[in-house]
Protein backbone atom coordinates (compact mmCIF):
# COMPACT_ATOMS: atom_id res chain seq x y z
CA MET A 1 -2.86 8.80 7.68
CA ALA A 2 0.74 9.90 7.42
CA SER A 3 0.95 13.87 6.83
CA VAL A 4 2.79 14.79 3.62
CA ASN A 5 3.38 18.16 5.43
CA GLU A 6 5.09 16.44 8.56
CA VAL A 7 7.38 14.30 6.17
CA TYR A 8 8.44 17.05 4.04
CA SER A 9 8.91 19.37 6.94
CA ALA A 10 10.97 16.97 8.83
CA LEU A 11 13.25 15.95 5.96
CA LYS A 12 13.61 19.80 5.16
CA ASN A 13 14.68 20.80 8.67
CA ILE A 14 17.02 17.82 9.13
CA ALA A 15 18.69 18.54 6.12
CA ASN A 16 19.04 22.20 6.75
CA LYS A 17 20.05 21.63 10.32
CA ASP A 18 23.25 19.67 9.30
CA GLN A 19 23.63 21.68 6.09
CA ARG A 20 23.07 18.50 3.95
CA GLY A 21 21.24 20.40 1.18
CA PHE A 22 17.64 22.00 0.63
CA ILE A 23 14.94 19.52 -0.49
CA THR A 24 12.56 21.35 -3.00
CA PRO A 25 9.01 20.28 -3.23
CA LYS A 26 9.53 19.27 -6.73
CA VAL A 27 12.29 16.91 -5.67
CA PHE A 28 10.25 15.59 -2.81
CA ASN A 29 7.17 15.00 -4.79
CA THR A 30 9.22 12.99 -7.14
CA PHE A 31 10.24 10.56 -4.69
CA ALA A 32 7.23 10.56 -2.09
CA PRO A 33 4.97 7.95 -4.10
CA VAL A 34 8.03 5.71 -4.76
CA ALA A 35 9.00 5.71 -1.11
CA GLN A 36 5.28 4.83 -0.20
CA ASN A 37 5.17 2.03 -2.75
CA LYS A 38 8.29 0.64 -1.45
CA ILE A 39 7.05 0.52 2.26
CA PHE A 40 3.81 -0.84 1.17
CA ASN A 41 5.61 -3.70 -0.74
CA ASP A 42 8.02 -4.40 2.36
CA LEU A 43 4.60 -4.91 4.37
CA PHE A 44 4.37 -8.21 2.68
CA SER A 45 7.89 -9.54 3.26
CA ASP A 46 7.53 -8.29 6.93
CA MET A 47 4.46 -10.18 7.29
CA THR A 48 6.19 -13.39 6.00
CA LYS A 49 8.78 -12.90 8.83
CA ALA A 50 6.06 -12.01 11.43
CA GLN A 51 4.32 -15.38 10.38
CA THR A 52 7.63 -17.21 10.95
CA MET A 53 7.95 -15.59 14.41
CA ARG A 54 4.42 -16.56 15.35
CA ALA A 55 5.04 -20.23 14.14
CA ARG A 56 7.96 -20.28 16.40
CA ASN A 57 5.92 -18.93 19.27
CA VAL A 58 7.93 -15.88 19.61
CA ASP A 59 5.48 -13.39 18.32
CA ALA A 60 3.68 -11.21 21.02
CA LYS A 61 0.27 -11.55 22.10
CA THR A 62 -2.80 -9.46 21.79
CA HIS A 63 -2.10 -5.73 20.67
CA LEU A 64 1.51 -6.28 20.81
CA SER A 65 1.42 -8.94 18.09
CA TYR A 66 3.70 -8.05 15.10
CA VAL A 67 1.30 -10.10 12.97
CA LYS A 68 -1.75 -8.32 14.03
CA ARG A 69 -0.03 -4.75 13.53
CA LEU A 70 0.93 -5.64 10.00
CA GLU A 71 -2.82 -7.03 9.34
CA GLU A 72 -4.21 -3.80 10.47
CA ASP A 73 -1.81 -1.79 8.39
CA LEU A 74 -2.78 -3.95 5.10
CA ALA A 75 -6.27 -3.54 5.99
CA PHE A 76 -6.22 -0.05 4.89
CA PHE A 77 -5.48 -1.25 1.31
CA ALA A 78 -8.07 -4.23 1.23
CA LYS A 79 -10.83 -3.69 -1.20
CA GLU A 80 -13.41 -5.56 -3.15
CA ALA A 81 -14.53 -5.40 -6.67
CA ALA A 82 -17.37 -7.08 -8.76
CA ILE A 83 -16.50 -7.93 -12.08
CA ALA A 84 -18.29 -9.42 -15.07
CA GLN A 85 -16.80 -11.68 -17.86
CA SER A 86 -16.12 -9.95 -21.20
CA ASN A 87 -14.66 -11.87 -24.14
CA GLY A 88 -14.21 -14.84 -22.01
CA VAL A 89 -11.99 -13.31 -19.43
CA PHE A 90 -12.24 -10.95 -16.34
CA GLU A 91 -10.33 -7.68 -16.42
CA LYS A 92 -8.08 -6.97 -13.29
CA PRO A 93 -8.90 -3.87 -11.55
CA ASP A 94 -6.59 -0.92 -12.50
CA ASP A 95 -5.50 -0.52 -8.64
CA LEU A 96 -5.00 -4.25 -7.97
CA SER A 97 -1.78 -5.05 -6.21
CA ARG A 98 -2.27 -8.40 -4.80
CA ILE A 99 -5.20 -10.82 -4.74
CA ILE A 100 -6.52 -11.95 -1.60
CA GLY A 101 -9.39 -14.20 -2.85
CA ILE A 102 -11.78 -14.67 -5.51
CA LYS A 103 -15.56 -15.98 -5.38
CA ILE A 104 -18.61 -16.55 -7.41
CA THR A 105 -20.86 -13.43 -7.15
CA SER A 106 -24.07 -15.50 -6.89
CA THR A 107 -23.13 -18.32 -4.57
CA SER A 108 -20.04 -16.75 -2.89
CA ILE A 109 -18.23 -20.10 -3.45
CA PRO A 110 -14.38 -19.61 -3.28
CA ILE A 111 -12.35 -19.94 -6.52
CA ASP A 112 -8.99 -21.62 -6.18
CA THR A 113 -6.17 -19.17 -7.66
CA ILE A 114 -3.41 -20.46 -9.89
CA TYR A 115 -0.63 -18.50 -11.31
CA ASP A 116 1.11 -21.48 -13.16
CA GLU A 117 -0.13 -22.09 -16.77
CA SER A 118 1.28 -25.43 -16.89
CA LYS A 119 -0.74 -26.37 -13.68
CA ILE A 120 -3.92 -25.10 -15.14
CA ASP A 121 -3.41 -27.16 -18.36
CA TYR A 122 -3.06 -30.19 -16.20
CA ILE A 123 -6.06 -29.54 -14.11
CA LEU A 124 -8.26 -28.95 -17.23
CA ARG A 125 -6.92 -32.11 -18.77
CA SER A 126 -7.65 -34.22 -15.75
CA ASP A 127 -10.78 -36.28 -15.21
CA LEU A 128 -10.33 -36.33 -11.31
CA SER A 129 -9.63 -32.49 -10.83
CA ALA A 130 -11.60 -30.91 -13.47
CA PRO A 131 -13.10 -27.50 -12.57
CA SER A 132 -16.74 -27.33 -11.83
CA THR A 133 -19.13 -24.66 -10.39
CA ALA A 134 -18.78 -26.29 -6.84
CA HIS A 135 -14.99 -26.33 -7.08
CA PRO A 136 -14.02 -23.50 -9.70
CA VAL A 137 -10.41 -22.52 -10.84
CA ALA A 138 -9.07 -19.08 -11.71
CA MET A 139 -5.84 -18.70 -13.79
CA VAL A 140 -4.34 -15.21 -12.93
CA ALA A 141 -2.06 -13.73 -15.55
CA ASP A 142 -2.73 -10.41 -17.35
CA ASN A 143 -6.47 -11.17 -16.98
CA ILE A 144 -8.39 -13.54 -14.90
CA GLU A 145 -9.80 -16.74 -16.56
CA VAL A 146 -12.13 -18.83 -14.63
CA PHE A 147 -13.22 -22.39 -15.28
CA PRO A 148 -15.71 -23.81 -15.81
CA THR A 149 -16.24 -20.86 -18.46
CA ASP A 150 -20.03 -20.41 -17.97
CA ILE A 151 -19.18 -18.44 -14.68
CA SER A 152 -20.03 -14.77 -15.65
CA ASN A 153 -19.68 -12.77 -12.49
CA ILE A 154 -17.03 -12.78 -9.86
CA LYS A 155 -15.85 -10.83 -6.95
CA VAL A 156 -12.24 -10.20 -6.12
CA ARG A 157 -11.04 -9.17 -2.86
CA TYR A 158 -7.51 -7.53 -3.18
CA TYR A 159 -4.85 -5.03 -1.83
CA LYS A 160 -4.78 -2.02 -3.93
CA TYR A 161 -1.88 -0.05 -4.69
CA PRO A 162 -1.34 2.79 -2.22
CA GLU A 163 -2.34 6.46 -3.29
CA GLY A 164 -3.36 9.44 -1.19
CA ARG A 165 -5.74 11.18 1.09
CA SER A 166 -6.87 14.69 1.31
CA PRO A 167 -5.46 16.67 4.23
CA SER A 168 -8.37 18.62 4.66
CA THR A 169 -11.14 15.88 4.81
CA GLY A 170 -9.01 12.66 4.85
CA ALA A 171 -11.08 11.28 1.94
CA ARG A 172 -9.14 8.82 -0.50
CA THR A 173 -8.01 10.23 -3.79
CA ALA A 174 -6.54 8.61 -6.79
CA LEU A 175 -3.88 11.14 -6.62
CA THR A 176 -0.33 10.24 -5.30
CA PRO A 177 1.39 12.00 -2.35
CA ARG A 178 2.64 15.72 -2.94
CA TYR A 179 3.64 18.58 -1.29
CA ASN A 180 2.61 22.00 -2.24
CA ALA A 181 2.99 25.39 -0.59
CA VAL A 182 1.55 28.95 -1.27
CA SER A 183 3.82 31.90 -1.30
CA LEU A 184 3.38 34.77 1.06
CA GLY A 185 6.16 36.77 -0.34
CA ALA A 186 9.82 37.50 0.66
CA SER A 187 10.62 33.68 0.33
CA ASN A 188 7.85 32.93 2.77
CA GLU A 189 5.77 29.94 2.00
CA VAL A 190 3.32 27.87 3.84
CA PHE A 191 1.73 24.62 3.41
CA ASP A 192 -1.29 24.46 1.02
CA PRO A 193 -3.68 21.46 2.34
CA THR A 194 -5.92 22.17 -0.69
CA THR A 195 -3.51 21.19 -3.54
CA SER A 196 -1.35 18.73 -1.39
CA VAL A 197 -2.12 14.93 -0.93
CA ASP A 198 -1.17 13.10 2.33
CA PHE A 199 0.09 9.57 2.07
CA GLU A 200 -2.11 6.69 2.59
CA LEU A 201 0.02 4.99 4.86
CA PRO A 202 -0.93 4.90 8.63
CA ASP A 203 0.70 7.84 10.41
CA HIS A 204 3.16 5.69 12.55
CA TYR A 205 4.98 5.15 9.06
CA VAL A 206 6.25 8.92 9.13
CA PRO A 207 9.73 8.03 10.29
CA ASN A 208 9.92 5.25 7.62
CA LEU A 209 8.94 7.79 4.96
CA VAL A 210 11.27 10.19 5.99
CA LEU A 211 14.15 7.66 5.96
CA GLU A 212 13.17 6.25 2.48
CA ILE A 213 12.88 9.69 0.91
CA GLY A 214 16.04 10.75 2.58
CA MET A 215 17.94 7.96 1.06
CA MET A 216 16.52 8.55 -2.42
CA VAL A 217 17.33 12.05 -2.44
CA GLY A 218 21.07 11.33 -1.31
CA ILE A 219 20.67 12.36 2.34
CA ASN A 220 22.30 10.04 4.64
CA LEU A 221 19.86 10.21 7.43
CA ARG A 222 20.28 8.45 10.82
CA ASP A 223 17.49 6.78 12.60
CA GLN A 224 18.25 9.07 15.71
CA ASP A 225 17.85 12.18 13.53
CA VAL A 226 14.19 11.04 12.53
CA TYR A 227 13.17 9.84 15.74
CA ALA A 228 14.31 13.19 17.49
CA TYR A 229 12.44 15.29 15.11
CA THR A 230 9.25 13.30 14.82
CA SER A 231 9.14 12.68 18.46
CA GLY A 232 9.55 16.48 19.07
CA GLU A 233 6.84 17.32 16.69
CA ALA A 234 4.41 14.80 18.29
CA LYS A 235 5.14 16.26 21.76
CA GLN A 236 4.46 19.83 20.50
CA GLN A 237 1.21 18.76 18.83
CA ASN A 238 0.15 16.93 22.02
CA GLN A 239 0.71 20.19 24.17
């Protein structure tokens, strides 16, 4: 996953190099989760563009495919939750960002999802398209309503909001990305992995995170600035 230490160090060093101002951990931590959410949301619009490229037969093949790369990146955030009906509705998971699909738990029959209330009203009134246990329908709004209403348990496959990872173990955490350091005295500080939280985005998004956070804090970073720094860091780590 993208290292919060690497992203913060890149921003701090680039800003100091060109005398663009010092970025404090407090400022960085304010914008880090915002930048991650923006990049995560951009993946969906990028997927639409990539699928258009594939339809025009201009997407690359095999491992070079843009669609495949985005699918792999989004897979980090795919999750499934079993939900029981409560007071006639199904509560959405707290971390739900976008629904991939819904099915009946007991039979694995897929449930069609609808987001338009006028459309569900039409379906429920229709003799031809009325929902059944063989062809159920879900109305997704603040909660999820499933028809027919005697369906009591569903499984929702969805993309969750990005959160964080432990720098020490790589384990998922509900905490958002943040950089913390411990003081060694005389203005000397070192990264503290025990209280910091890495990004949940894959590590190849480090340059994107540096650019996004840089723009948010008012630093006019150039692509070549970020590329030069992150490439140099990668070479040092591989030596």
